[in-house]
Each structure stands twice: as structure tokens, then as C-alpha cells.
Amino acid sequence: MVTTRPIRIGVLGTHSTGKTTLCKRIEMELRGNGLTVARTGRLGKRAAQAGLPKMHHHTALSTEWIVAQGIVDEVSAVAQGGEVVLVDRVPLDAIAYWYAACAFRAQTPPRLERERLLALATTQVPKYDLLFATVLDESAPADTGHADDAGFRRLVDQHAHRLLANDNIPHQLVTSDPDSHAHAVEIAVQRCLAEVSA
């Protein structure tokens, strides 16, 4: 049975907090239950391949690219006709990284760019049926593919959760505790199965 629209599950949070692992686990469980799944991701790496700065060098331009490309990826995933679309890094995530990068460099995001890009990212929020926000565990080391700058990771975490709180955006917190990840997977699977069978 195919739903009239796909169920969208988004994830955001600082790097090395298990976003991609969570998406993979949800995808595996959903496929195991017979659902078709499309997953987006790798936006930071693709932005770097396009010659754009990332991490604490993030700019308004790289933020706009990641937000816009993320939206395009989601549209493409929906067009594939899957029952569930998993979004590894929702647009709001890029805003958190940009704010953190500016704070890291002791800069203030230009007001017009800040308002424009924040508006673009927040218009996407209502699309998600479920939104998971990972929580930084500072005792866990950063992935080897990322610069292990504890201060920058902390800034991204703070800005991501502040953005969610400022707009009272409904979301589920996911900590580094394996039980928290397992609970998030269970929530996602149960929600998807209920929606598909409705």
C-alpha cells in the first residue's frame, strides 16, 4: 500500500552525534517491515566538492547551497515514489552550522542574509512528520572525517537546539545512549507503519 504522500523524517544536530547512523538504522528497520525508503544526505561533503567552505568556514553562500540542495534532494526522493523519505540534515541544520561558524569566527551574520536564509529553512519545517535532534555528548570523539574541534561542535549543538526552541518546533531528542537511539528508531517505525496502514 502506498500513501498519498511520503512520510518525511528529518534529523539535525552537530557532527559525530549519530545522525547518519540513526537514519541508516531507521531505514533498515523500515525496509525490514516492507516499506520503500529514500534517504538523502552527504550535503557537507558535496558542498566541499563544489568548492564551498564547510564547518567553521561555513558562509551564507555555502548555507544557501546546502539548504537549496537539500530541498532539491528531498523533491527528488519524493519523486521516486517511496513511502518514507529520510532526511539526513534538514535545512535548519545548515542554519545552525552557519550561526556556529560565525560565532566561532567572532562574526555576526549579516541581518538580511540571516533573515532570508532562516525564512527559507523554516518554511521547510512543516513538511516533516517526525523530527529528531541529536544531542552532543562531549565525551564522544568526532568522526575521523571531521576536524575534532570540541568548541565548534558545542556551538553547532547550542545553535541547533536554540533554533528548535525559539520556534517551538516539535522534535524528539536523541542522545548518545544506545537506548535513546533504539527508542527513536522504534518511534519512527511505529509512526510509519501506523501511517501506511491508516
N, C-alpha and C. Protein backbone atom coordinates (compact mmCIF):
# COMPACT_ATOMS: atom_id res chain seq x y z
N MET A 1 0.85 -1.18 0.00
CA MET A 1 0.00 0.00 0.00
C MET A 1 0.89 1.24 0.00
N VAL A 2 0.59 2.21 -0.85
CA VAL A 2 1.38 3.44 -0.94
C VAL A 2 0.57 4.61 -0.39
N THR A 3 1.16 5.42 0.44
CA THR A 3 0.48 6.59 1.00
C THR A 3 0.34 7.65 -0.08
N THR A 4 -0.62 8.59 0.13
CA THR A 4 -0.82 9.65 -0.85
C THR A 4 0.37 10.59 -0.89
N ARG A 5 1.08 10.68 0.19
CA ARG A 5 2.31 11.46 0.23
C ARG A 5 3.29 10.69 1.10
N PRO A 6 4.58 10.87 0.87
CA PRO A 6 5.53 10.13 1.70
C PRO A 6 5.57 10.67 3.13
N ILE A 7 5.94 9.81 4.04
CA ILE A 7 6.18 10.21 5.41
C ILE A 7 7.60 10.76 5.43
N ARG A 8 7.78 11.95 5.95
CA ARG A 8 9.11 12.56 5.98
C ARG A 8 9.65 12.58 7.40
N ILE A 9 10.85 12.05 7.54
CA ILE A 9 11.52 12.04 8.84
C ILE A 9 12.83 12.80 8.68
N GLY A 10 13.01 13.85 9.47
CA GLY A 10 14.21 14.66 9.38
C GLY A 10 15.08 14.52 10.61
N VAL A 11 16.37 14.72 10.41
CA VAL A 11 17.34 14.65 11.50
C VAL A 11 18.26 15.88 11.43
N LEU A 12 18.57 16.45 12.59
CA LEU A 12 19.55 17.52 12.63
C LEU A 12 20.36 17.41 13.91
N GLY A 13 21.50 18.07 13.93
CA GLY A 13 22.38 18.06 15.09
C GLY A 13 23.82 18.23 14.67
N THR A 14 24.68 18.47 15.62
CA THR A 14 26.09 18.67 15.31
C THR A 14 26.73 17.38 14.82
N HIS A 15 27.92 17.48 14.24
CA HIS A 15 28.58 16.31 13.67
C HIS A 15 29.03 15.33 14.75
N SER A 16 29.12 14.09 14.34
CA SER A 16 29.54 12.98 15.22
C SER A 16 28.60 12.79 16.40
N THR A 17 27.30 12.98 16.14
CA THR A 17 26.30 12.68 17.17
C THR A 17 25.36 11.57 16.73
N GLY A 18 25.68 10.92 15.63
CA GLY A 18 24.91 9.75 15.22
C GLY A 18 23.76 10.00 14.27
N LYS A 19 23.73 11.15 13.58
CA LYS A 19 22.62 11.44 12.65
C LYS A 19 22.53 10.39 11.54
N THR A 20 23.64 10.16 10.86
CA THR A 20 23.64 9.22 9.74
C THR A 20 23.39 7.80 10.21
N THR A 21 23.98 7.43 11.34
CA THR A 21 23.75 6.09 11.90
C THR A 21 22.28 5.91 12.22
N LEU A 22 21.65 6.92 12.80
CA LEU A 22 20.23 6.85 13.12
C LEU A 22 19.40 6.67 11.85
N CYS A 23 19.71 7.45 10.82
CA CYS A 23 18.98 7.32 9.55
C CYS A 23 19.12 5.92 8.97
N LYS A 24 20.34 5.39 9.01
CA LYS A 24 20.57 4.04 8.47
C LYS A 24 19.79 2.99 9.24
N ARG A 25 19.75 3.14 10.57
CA ARG A 25 19.01 2.16 11.39
C ARG A 25 17.51 2.24 11.12
N ILE A 26 17.00 3.46 11.00
CA ILE A 26 15.57 3.61 10.70
C ILE A 26 15.28 3.01 9.32
N GLU A 27 16.12 3.32 8.36
CA GLU A 27 15.92 2.79 7.01
C GLU A 27 15.91 1.26 7.00
N MET A 28 16.87 0.66 7.69
CA MET A 28 16.96 -0.79 7.73
C MET A 28 15.70 -1.41 8.34
N GLU A 29 15.22 -0.83 9.44
CA GLU A 29 14.02 -1.36 10.10
C GLU A 29 12.78 -1.18 9.23
N LEU A 30 12.68 -0.03 8.57
CA LEU A 30 11.52 0.20 7.71
C LEU A 30 11.51 -0.75 6.53
N ARG A 31 12.68 -0.94 5.92
CA ARG A 31 12.77 -1.88 4.80
C ARG A 31 12.45 -3.30 5.27
N GLY A 32 12.88 -3.63 6.49
CA GLY A 32 12.57 -4.94 7.06
C GLY A 32 11.08 -5.15 7.27
N ASN A 33 10.36 -4.04 7.40
CA ASN A 33 8.90 -4.11 7.55
C ASN A 33 8.18 -3.92 6.22
N GLY A 34 8.94 -3.97 5.12
CA GLY A 34 8.34 -3.93 3.80
C GLY A 34 8.04 -2.57 3.23
N LEU A 35 8.54 -1.50 3.86
CA LEU A 35 8.29 -0.15 3.34
C LEU A 35 9.41 0.26 2.38
N THR A 36 9.05 1.06 1.40
CA THR A 36 10.05 1.60 0.49
C THR A 36 10.56 2.92 1.07
N VAL A 37 11.88 3.09 1.03
CA VAL A 37 12.52 4.23 1.70
C VAL A 37 13.51 4.90 0.77
N ALA A 38 13.50 6.23 0.77
CA ALA A 38 14.53 7.03 0.09
C ALA A 38 15.23 7.84 1.17
N ARG A 39 16.55 7.95 1.06
CA ARG A 39 17.31 8.70 2.08
C ARG A 39 18.20 9.72 1.41
N THR A 40 18.22 10.93 1.95
CA THR A 40 19.10 11.99 1.46
C THR A 40 20.31 12.12 2.39
N GLY A 41 21.32 12.86 1.96
CA GLY A 41 22.46 13.08 2.84
C GLY A 41 23.71 13.51 2.11
N ARG A 42 24.82 13.52 2.86
CA ARG A 42 26.15 13.85 2.36
C ARG A 42 26.24 15.29 1.81
N LEU A 43 25.43 16.19 2.35
CA LEU A 43 25.40 17.55 1.83
C LEU A 43 26.70 18.30 2.10
N GLY A 44 27.27 18.14 3.29
CA GLY A 44 28.52 18.83 3.61
C GLY A 44 29.64 18.42 2.68
N LYS A 45 29.77 17.14 2.45
CA LYS A 45 30.82 16.62 1.56
C LYS A 45 30.61 17.11 0.14
N ARG A 46 29.35 17.11 -0.31
CA ARG A 46 29.06 17.57 -1.67
C ARG A 46 29.29 19.06 -1.82
N ALA A 47 29.01 19.83 -0.77
CA ALA A 47 29.28 21.27 -0.81
C ALA A 47 30.78 21.51 -0.95
N ALA A 48 31.57 20.75 -0.22
CA ALA A 48 33.03 20.88 -0.31
C ALA A 48 33.52 20.51 -1.70
N GLN A 49 32.92 19.48 -2.29
CA GLN A 49 33.30 19.08 -3.65
C GLN A 49 32.95 20.15 -4.67
N ALA A 50 31.93 20.96 -4.35
CA ALA A 50 31.53 22.06 -5.23
C ALA A 50 32.39 23.30 -5.01
N GLY A 51 33.37 23.19 -4.09
CA GLY A 51 34.28 24.30 -3.83
C GLY A 51 33.81 25.26 -2.76
N LEU A 52 32.80 24.85 -1.99
CA LEU A 52 32.26 25.73 -0.95
C LEU A 52 32.89 25.40 0.40
N PRO A 53 33.00 26.40 1.27
CA PRO A 53 33.58 26.16 2.59
C PRO A 53 32.61 25.38 3.48
N LYS A 54 33.16 24.72 4.48
CA LYS A 54 32.29 23.99 5.41
C LYS A 54 32.83 24.12 6.82
N MET A 55 32.12 23.50 7.74
CA MET A 55 32.45 23.52 9.16
C MET A 55 32.61 24.97 9.63
N HIS A 56 33.70 25.30 10.36
CA HIS A 56 33.79 26.65 10.92
C HIS A 56 34.11 27.71 9.87
N HIS A 57 34.26 27.29 8.59
CA HIS A 57 34.44 28.23 7.49
C HIS A 57 33.12 28.50 6.75
N HIS A 58 32.04 27.87 7.22
CA HIS A 58 30.71 27.98 6.61
C HIS A 58 30.32 29.45 6.41
N THR A 59 29.71 29.75 5.27
CA THR A 59 29.31 31.13 4.93
C THR A 59 27.83 31.16 4.55
N ALA A 60 27.33 32.36 4.28
CA ALA A 60 25.96 32.49 3.80
C ALA A 60 25.80 31.74 2.47
N LEU A 61 26.81 31.81 1.62
CA LEU A 61 26.73 31.14 0.31
C LEU A 61 26.69 29.62 0.45
N SER A 62 27.55 29.08 1.29
CA SER A 62 27.54 27.62 1.46
C SER A 62 26.26 27.18 2.17
N THR A 63 25.75 28.03 3.06
CA THR A 63 24.49 27.72 3.74
C THR A 63 23.35 27.65 2.74
N GLU A 64 23.31 28.65 1.85
CA GLU A 64 22.24 28.67 0.84
C GLU A 64 22.33 27.45 -0.07
N TRP A 65 23.56 27.08 -0.46
CA TRP A 65 23.74 25.91 -1.32
C TRP A 65 23.21 24.65 -0.63
N ILE A 66 23.56 24.47 0.65
CA ILE A 66 23.15 23.27 1.38
C ILE A 66 21.64 23.25 1.58
N VAL A 67 21.05 24.38 1.93
CA VAL A 67 19.60 24.44 2.10
C VAL A 67 18.90 24.12 0.78
N ALA A 68 19.33 24.81 -0.29
CA ALA A 68 18.68 24.61 -1.60
C ALA A 68 18.89 23.20 -2.12
N GLN A 69 20.10 22.68 -2.01
CA GLN A 69 20.38 21.33 -2.49
C GLN A 69 19.62 20.29 -1.67
N GLY A 70 19.50 20.54 -0.37
CA GLY A 70 18.73 19.63 0.47
C GLY A 70 17.27 19.58 0.05
N ILE A 71 16.71 20.73 -0.30
CA ILE A 71 15.32 20.78 -0.77
C ILE A 71 15.19 20.02 -2.08
N VAL A 72 16.13 20.23 -2.99
CA VAL A 72 16.12 19.52 -4.28
C VAL A 72 16.22 18.01 -4.05
N ASP A 73 17.10 17.60 -3.15
CA ASP A 73 17.25 16.17 -2.86
C ASP A 73 15.96 15.57 -2.33
N GLU A 74 15.28 16.32 -1.47
CA GLU A 74 14.01 15.83 -0.93
C GLU A 74 12.96 15.69 -2.02
N VAL A 75 12.88 16.69 -2.91
CA VAL A 75 11.91 16.63 -4.01
C VAL A 75 12.21 15.42 -4.89
N SER A 76 13.49 15.18 -5.17
CA SER A 76 13.87 14.02 -5.98
C SER A 76 13.49 12.72 -5.28
N ALA A 77 13.71 12.67 -3.96
CA ALA A 77 13.36 11.46 -3.19
C ALA A 77 11.86 11.21 -3.22
N VAL A 78 11.09 12.28 -3.09
CA VAL A 78 9.63 12.15 -3.15
C VAL A 78 9.20 11.65 -4.53
N ALA A 79 9.85 12.17 -5.57
CA ALA A 79 9.51 11.78 -6.94
C ALA A 79 9.77 10.29 -7.21
N GLN A 80 10.67 9.70 -6.42
CA GLN A 80 10.95 8.28 -6.58
C GLN A 80 9.79 7.41 -6.11
N GLY A 81 8.84 8.01 -5.40
CA GLY A 81 7.64 7.29 -5.02
C GLY A 81 7.73 6.43 -3.78
N GLY A 82 8.75 6.64 -2.96
CA GLY A 82 8.87 5.86 -1.74
C GLY A 82 7.81 6.23 -0.72
N GLU A 83 7.58 5.32 0.21
CA GLU A 83 6.60 5.59 1.26
C GLU A 83 7.20 6.47 2.36
N VAL A 84 8.52 6.41 2.52
CA VAL A 84 9.20 7.18 3.56
C VAL A 84 10.42 7.88 2.96
N VAL A 85 10.60 9.15 3.31
CA VAL A 85 11.80 9.90 2.94
C VAL A 85 12.54 10.25 4.23
N LEU A 86 13.78 9.79 4.34
CA LEU A 86 14.63 10.10 5.49
C LEU A 86 15.57 11.22 5.10
N VAL A 87 15.57 12.31 5.85
CA VAL A 87 16.38 13.47 5.51
C VAL A 87 17.50 13.63 6.54
N ASP A 88 18.69 13.30 6.12
CA ASP A 88 19.88 13.41 6.97
C ASP A 88 20.42 14.83 6.81
N ARG A 89 20.06 15.71 7.72
CA ARG A 89 20.37 17.14 7.75
C ARG A 89 19.25 17.94 7.09
N VAL A 90 18.28 18.29 7.89
CA VAL A 90 17.20 19.16 7.40
C VAL A 90 17.77 20.57 7.19
N PRO A 91 17.09 21.43 6.42
CA PRO A 91 17.63 22.77 6.15
C PRO A 91 18.01 23.57 7.38
N LEU A 92 17.27 23.42 8.47
CA LEU A 92 17.57 24.16 9.69
C LEU A 92 18.96 23.81 10.22
N ASP A 93 19.43 22.61 9.93
CA ASP A 93 20.76 22.17 10.35
C ASP A 93 21.84 23.09 9.75
N ALA A 94 21.67 23.45 8.48
CA ALA A 94 22.65 24.32 7.81
C ALA A 94 22.69 25.70 8.47
N ILE A 95 21.53 26.18 8.92
CA ILE A 95 21.49 27.47 9.61
C ILE A 95 22.27 27.39 10.91
N ALA A 96 22.09 26.30 11.65
CA ALA A 96 22.82 26.12 12.91
C ALA A 96 24.33 26.12 12.67
N TYR A 97 24.77 25.44 11.61
CA TYR A 97 26.20 25.41 11.29
C TYR A 97 26.72 26.79 10.92
N TRP A 98 25.94 27.54 10.18
CA TRP A 98 26.38 28.89 9.78
C TRP A 98 26.47 29.80 10.99
N TYR A 99 25.44 29.79 11.84
CA TYR A 99 25.48 30.60 13.05
C TYR A 99 26.68 30.22 13.92
N ALA A 100 26.92 28.92 14.03
CA ALA A 100 28.06 28.45 14.84
C ALA A 100 29.38 28.90 14.23
N ALA A 101 29.47 28.83 12.90
CA ALA A 101 30.70 29.25 12.22
C ALA A 101 30.95 30.74 12.45
N CYS A 102 29.89 31.54 12.37
CA CYS A 102 30.04 32.98 12.61
C CYS A 102 30.48 33.23 14.05
N ALA A 103 29.87 32.54 14.99
CA ALA A 103 30.24 32.70 16.40
C ALA A 103 31.67 32.26 16.64
N PHE A 104 32.08 31.18 15.98
CA PHE A 104 33.44 30.66 16.11
C PHE A 104 34.46 31.69 15.62
N ARG A 105 34.09 32.43 14.57
CA ARG A 105 34.98 33.45 13.99
C ARG A 105 34.74 34.83 14.61
N ALA A 106 33.90 34.88 15.63
CA ALA A 106 33.55 36.14 16.30
C ALA A 106 32.96 37.15 15.32
N GLN A 107 32.08 36.65 14.45
CA GLN A 107 31.40 37.50 13.47
C GLN A 107 29.90 37.44 13.73
N THR A 108 29.20 38.41 13.18
CA THR A 108 27.74 38.42 13.25
C THR A 108 27.19 38.19 11.85
N PRO A 109 26.27 37.23 11.68
CA PRO A 109 25.69 37.02 10.34
C PRO A 109 24.99 38.29 9.86
N PRO A 110 25.22 38.71 8.63
CA PRO A 110 24.54 39.91 8.11
C PRO A 110 23.02 39.76 8.24
N ARG A 111 22.36 40.79 8.73
CA ARG A 111 20.94 40.70 9.06
C ARG A 111 20.08 40.24 7.89
N LEU A 112 20.25 40.84 6.71
CA LEU A 112 19.39 40.47 5.57
C LEU A 112 19.61 39.02 5.16
N GLU A 113 20.88 38.59 5.13
CA GLU A 113 21.16 37.19 4.78
C GLU A 113 20.60 36.26 5.84
N ARG A 114 20.75 36.65 7.10
CA ARG A 114 20.25 35.82 8.20
C ARG A 114 18.74 35.66 8.09
N GLU A 115 18.03 36.75 7.88
CA GLU A 115 16.57 36.69 7.80
C GLU A 115 16.11 35.88 6.60
N ARG A 116 16.78 36.10 5.46
CA ARG A 116 16.37 35.40 4.23
C ARG A 116 16.60 33.90 4.33
N LEU A 117 17.78 33.50 4.80
CA LEU A 117 18.11 32.08 4.85
C LEU A 117 17.33 31.36 5.95
N LEU A 118 17.12 32.04 7.08
CA LEU A 118 16.33 31.44 8.15
C LEU A 118 14.89 31.24 7.68
N ALA A 119 14.35 32.22 6.96
CA ALA A 119 12.98 32.08 6.44
C ALA A 119 12.90 30.90 5.48
N LEU A 120 13.89 30.77 4.60
CA LEU A 120 13.90 29.67 3.65
C LEU A 120 13.94 28.32 4.37
N ALA A 121 14.76 28.22 5.38
CA ALA A 121 14.89 26.95 6.11
C ALA A 121 13.65 26.64 6.93
N THR A 122 13.09 27.64 7.60
CA THR A 122 11.95 27.37 8.48
C THR A 122 10.68 27.05 7.69
N THR A 123 10.58 27.51 6.44
CA THR A 123 9.39 27.15 5.65
C THR A 123 9.35 25.65 5.37
N GLN A 124 10.47 24.97 5.50
CA GLN A 124 10.53 23.54 5.22
C GLN A 124 10.08 22.69 6.42
N VAL A 125 10.12 23.27 7.62
CA VAL A 125 9.85 22.50 8.84
C VAL A 125 8.51 21.79 8.84
N PRO A 126 7.40 22.43 8.41
CA PRO A 126 6.10 21.75 8.48
C PRO A 126 6.01 20.47 7.64
N LYS A 127 6.95 20.25 6.73
CA LYS A 127 6.90 19.05 5.89
C LYS A 127 7.19 17.78 6.66
N TYR A 128 7.88 17.90 7.80
CA TYR A 128 8.35 16.70 8.49
C TYR A 128 7.29 16.14 9.44
N ASP A 129 7.04 14.86 9.27
CA ASP A 129 6.12 14.17 10.16
C ASP A 129 6.80 13.88 11.50
N LEU A 130 8.10 13.68 11.45
CA LEU A 130 8.92 13.45 12.64
C LEU A 130 10.22 14.19 12.48
N LEU A 131 10.69 14.79 13.55
CA LEU A 131 11.97 15.50 13.52
C LEU A 131 12.78 15.05 14.73
N PHE A 132 13.97 14.52 14.47
CA PHE A 132 14.87 14.08 15.53
C PHE A 132 16.04 15.05 15.63
N ALA A 133 16.38 15.44 16.85
CA ALA A 133 17.52 16.32 17.09
C ALA A 133 18.51 15.58 17.98
N THR A 134 19.70 15.33 17.47
CA THR A 134 20.71 14.65 18.26
C THR A 134 21.31 15.62 19.28
N VAL A 135 21.79 15.05 20.37
CA VAL A 135 22.36 15.84 21.46
C VAL A 135 23.84 15.52 21.57
N LEU A 136 24.65 16.54 21.67
CA LEU A 136 26.10 16.36 21.75
C LEU A 136 26.51 15.67 23.05
N ASP A 137 27.32 14.64 22.90
CA ASP A 137 27.99 14.00 24.04
C ASP A 137 29.47 14.36 23.88
N GLU A 138 29.94 15.28 24.69
CA GLU A 138 31.31 15.78 24.50
C GLU A 138 32.37 14.74 24.81
N SER A 139 31.98 13.65 25.46
CA SER A 139 32.96 12.59 25.73
C SER A 139 33.19 11.71 24.50
N ALA A 140 32.28 11.81 23.52
CA ALA A 140 32.43 11.02 22.29
C ALA A 140 33.30 11.80 21.30
N PRO A 141 34.36 11.18 20.77
CA PRO A 141 35.23 11.89 19.83
C PRO A 141 34.53 12.15 18.50
N ALA A 142 35.01 13.16 17.80
CA ALA A 142 34.47 13.46 16.47
C ALA A 142 34.93 12.38 15.51
N ASP A 143 34.12 12.17 14.47
CA ASP A 143 34.47 11.24 13.40
C ASP A 143 35.83 11.60 12.83
N THR A 144 36.55 10.61 12.33
CA THR A 144 37.87 10.89 11.75
C THR A 144 37.75 11.77 10.51
N GLY A 145 36.58 11.80 9.88
CA GLY A 145 36.38 12.63 8.69
C GLY A 145 36.14 14.10 9.02
N HIS A 146 36.01 14.43 10.30
CA HIS A 146 35.75 15.81 10.72
C HIS A 146 36.90 16.32 11.57
N ALA A 147 37.11 17.61 11.51
CA ALA A 147 38.08 18.23 12.42
C ALA A 147 37.51 18.13 13.83
N ASP A 148 38.31 17.62 14.74
CA ASP A 148 37.82 17.42 16.10
C ASP A 148 38.00 18.69 16.92
N ASP A 149 37.13 19.67 16.68
CA ASP A 149 37.17 20.92 17.42
C ASP A 149 35.97 20.93 18.36
N ALA A 150 36.21 20.62 19.63
CA ALA A 150 35.14 20.49 20.60
C ALA A 150 34.33 21.78 20.73
N GLY A 151 35.00 22.92 20.65
CA GLY A 151 34.30 24.20 20.77
C GLY A 151 33.31 24.43 19.65
N PHE A 152 33.71 24.09 18.43
CA PHE A 152 32.81 24.29 17.29
C PHE A 152 31.64 23.32 17.36
N ARG A 153 31.90 22.07 17.70
CA ARG A 153 30.81 21.09 17.84
C ARG A 153 29.79 21.59 18.87
N ARG A 154 30.30 22.13 19.97
CA ARG A 154 29.42 22.64 21.02
C ARG A 154 28.56 23.80 20.50
N LEU A 155 29.17 24.70 19.74
CA LEU A 155 28.43 25.82 19.18
C LEU A 155 27.31 25.36 18.25
N VAL A 156 27.61 24.38 17.39
CA VAL A 156 26.58 23.87 16.47
C VAL A 156 25.43 23.26 17.28
N ASP A 157 25.78 22.48 18.29
CA ASP A 157 24.76 21.85 19.14
C ASP A 157 23.88 22.92 19.78
N GLN A 158 24.50 23.95 20.34
CA GLN A 158 23.74 25.01 21.00
C GLN A 158 22.82 25.73 20.03
N HIS A 159 23.33 26.06 18.85
CA HIS A 159 22.51 26.79 17.87
C HIS A 159 21.38 25.93 17.32
N ALA A 160 21.64 24.66 17.10
CA ALA A 160 20.58 23.77 16.59
C ALA A 160 19.42 23.69 17.57
N HIS A 161 19.74 23.50 18.85
CA HIS A 161 18.68 23.37 19.84
C HIS A 161 18.01 24.70 20.14
N ARG A 162 18.76 25.80 20.01
CA ARG A 162 18.17 27.12 20.20
C ARG A 162 17.17 27.43 19.07
N LEU A 163 17.52 27.07 17.84
CA LEU A 163 16.60 27.30 16.72
C LEU A 163 15.30 26.53 16.92
N LEU A 164 15.40 25.30 17.38
CA LEU A 164 14.21 24.50 17.63
C LEU A 164 13.36 25.11 18.75
N ALA A 165 14.03 25.57 19.81
CA ALA A 165 13.32 26.14 20.95
C ALA A 165 12.68 27.48 20.61
N ASN A 166 13.38 28.30 19.84
CA ASN A 166 12.88 29.63 19.51
C ASN A 166 11.53 29.59 18.80
N ASP A 167 11.34 28.60 17.94
CA ASP A 167 10.09 28.49 17.19
C ASP A 167 9.18 27.38 17.72
N ASN A 168 9.53 26.86 18.90
CA ASN A 168 8.72 25.77 19.49
C ASN A 168 8.46 24.65 18.48
N ILE A 169 9.49 24.24 17.79
CA ILE A 169 9.36 23.21 16.76
C ILE A 169 9.31 21.83 17.43
N PRO A 170 8.25 21.08 17.21
CA PRO A 170 8.16 19.75 17.82
C PRO A 170 9.28 18.84 17.32
N HIS A 171 9.93 18.17 18.26
CA HIS A 171 11.03 17.27 17.88
C HIS A 171 11.29 16.29 19.01
N GLN A 172 12.01 15.23 18.67
CA GLN A 172 12.41 14.22 19.64
C GLN A 172 13.91 14.33 19.83
N LEU A 173 14.36 14.40 21.07
CA LEU A 173 15.79 14.42 21.35
C LEU A 173 16.36 13.01 21.29
N VAL A 174 17.56 12.90 20.74
CA VAL A 174 18.24 11.60 20.66
C VAL A 174 19.65 11.79 21.23
N THR A 175 19.91 11.13 22.34
CA THR A 175 21.22 11.23 22.97
C THR A 175 22.12 10.11 22.45
N SER A 176 23.36 10.09 22.95
CA SER A 176 24.31 9.06 22.52
C SER A 176 24.03 7.71 23.17
N ASP A 177 23.14 7.68 24.14
CA ASP A 177 22.77 6.43 24.80
C ASP A 177 22.14 5.47 23.79
N PRO A 178 22.61 4.23 23.71
CA PRO A 178 22.04 3.27 22.76
C PRO A 178 20.53 3.10 22.93
N ASP A 179 20.04 3.20 24.16
CA ASP A 179 18.60 3.08 24.40
C ASP A 179 17.84 4.25 23.76
N SER A 180 18.44 5.43 23.76
CA SER A 180 17.81 6.59 23.15
C SER A 180 17.70 6.40 21.64
N HIS A 181 18.78 5.88 21.03
CA HIS A 181 18.75 5.60 19.59
C HIS A 181 17.69 4.54 19.27
N ALA A 182 17.67 3.49 20.08
CA ALA A 182 16.70 2.41 19.86
C ALA A 182 15.27 2.93 19.99
N HIS A 183 15.05 3.82 20.97
CA HIS A 183 13.72 4.40 21.17
C HIS A 183 13.32 5.26 19.96
N ALA A 184 14.27 6.03 19.44
CA ALA A 184 14.00 6.87 18.27
C ALA A 184 13.63 6.01 17.06
N VAL A 185 14.37 4.92 16.87
CA VAL A 185 14.07 4.01 15.77
C VAL A 185 12.67 3.43 15.94
N GLU A 186 12.33 3.04 17.15
CA GLU A 186 11.01 2.47 17.42
C GLU A 186 9.91 3.48 17.15
N ILE A 187 10.12 4.74 17.58
CA ILE A 187 9.13 5.79 17.32
C ILE A 187 8.92 5.95 15.82
N ALA A 188 10.02 6.01 15.07
CA ALA A 188 9.92 6.20 13.62
C ALA A 188 9.20 5.04 12.95
N VAL A 189 9.56 3.83 13.31
CA VAL A 189 8.96 2.65 12.68
C VAL A 189 7.47 2.58 13.00
N GLN A 190 7.12 2.78 14.26
CA GLN A 190 5.71 2.69 14.64
C GLN A 190 4.89 3.77 13.96
N ARG A 191 5.45 4.97 13.86
CA ARG A 191 4.73 6.07 13.20
C ARG A 191 4.51 5.76 11.72
N CYS A 192 5.55 5.27 11.07
CA CYS A 192 5.44 4.95 9.64
C CYS A 192 4.46 3.81 9.38
N LEU A 193 4.53 2.77 10.18
CA LEU A 193 3.62 1.64 10.00
C LEU A 193 2.17 2.07 10.24
N ALA A 194 1.96 2.91 11.24
CA ALA A 194 0.61 3.40 11.51
C ALA A 194 0.09 4.25 10.37
N GLU A 195 0.95 5.12 9.82
CA GLU A 195 0.54 6.00 8.72
C GLU A 195 0.22 5.19 7.46
N VAL A 196 1.05 4.22 7.17
CA VAL A 196 0.88 3.43 5.95
C VAL A 196 -0.37 2.56 6.03
N SER A 197 -0.67 2.06 7.21
CA SER A 197 -1.84 1.17 7.34
C SER A 197 -3.13 1.93 7.55
N ALA A 198 -3.04 3.26 7.74
CA ALA A 198 -4.25 4.05 8.01
C ALA A 198 -5.16 4.12 6.78
